[in-house]
Amino acid sequence: MTDGNAAWTYMVEAPHGEFALFVGQIENELGRDVPFEVWVNGAEQPRGIGAVAKTLSMDMRANDKAWLKLKLDALAKTQDDDSFELPLPPTANANWFPAWSRHWPMSCVTAAKSSARWKVRKPPVIDCMFSRDEPKTGTDGTLSWTVDVVNPASGEEFVLGLEEITLPDGVTRPYSVWLSGHYPRALDGLTRLLSLDMRVLDPAWIGMKLRKLLNYAEPLGDFMARVPGSNKQQNWPSTVAYIARLIMHRYAMLRILDENGYPTREMGILEVPEQKSGGVKVMQGSLCGECGNYTVIRKDGCDFCSACGAVGSCG
């Protein structure tokens, strides 16, 4: 937007420092102000909270109020050791934020969530989840995939874990991500958000979220590490970027996404933004026997696949 856009600004005063929270907004076709992004600024902001803001901004642009509320409520459950009071809009009444971790003020994430939710006024994504709540295991447990992450530049050393479930169609999918060890506690908020993204039926959604985090950089936070699935090493801009790449690699191992984070099979639930000029728009439908996508629609009296162009029965 060459003319810029309006934004609401909140100053967050936490025990470990102060930072600013911004909620940007644009005017929709009905002339109403709609929030479309959130970001933080300040040298004292908790490490990792910028990644939370980045993925939450994508949720704002989904134009799904129920989905965004689900994400914000998930952040509200993230806690830290250093509780503090924060006056919240619109009444400026002080709210007490609870505590949990010793190292990073995760309460700041919760405070940011509360400020952002007040501005949100705007149900397709939430209806596409194969499980709204995190599935609970039985006594036999569940499958999981874990990998060690070490960032010498920041002194972080922890385990990244994905819990997985086999769906009725026989496909194994990750449904939850967690961290254990020494890491910025603001990343607990990020894993809560990504866990919800994982449970969206169309893997194009989680693929989009992970690709957006691949270039997330932190000052003095870049480090060398192995490329997942290879013996080569490369420089990664941050711990968050490496986490995103590792998760993407696991999806590739399961043949759900490719190594670049794009779905191996278009389901048609989410519209693909990159449409070539003159190309056929992919639409949600029934299963195609030719390409295996759920993109068969009724066109001119015949079954037509909007992904591969196959024509089925007519009548």
Foldseek 3Di string as FASTA:
>chain_A
DVVDFDWDKDWDQFPQGIKIKIFTWDADPVRDTATQFIAIDDPRAFPPLRLLRVLLSVVSVVQAPVSSVLLLVLLLPQFAAGWDWFQEPDVRDTDIRHHHHDPAGSSVSNVSSRNNVVRHDTHQQCVQFPDQDQDDDDPVAFDKDKDWDAQPQVGFTKIKMFTWDQDPVRQIFTQFIDIDGDDGSNCVSVRSNLNNQRRRNQQLRSLVSLLSQLQDADVSAKGWDDQPPDPDIDIGRHPSNVSSQVVLVVCCVSQQANSNSHGPEGQQSDWDPDDDVPAQTFHAACADPPRGYRGFDADPQWTARSPPGDTDDGD
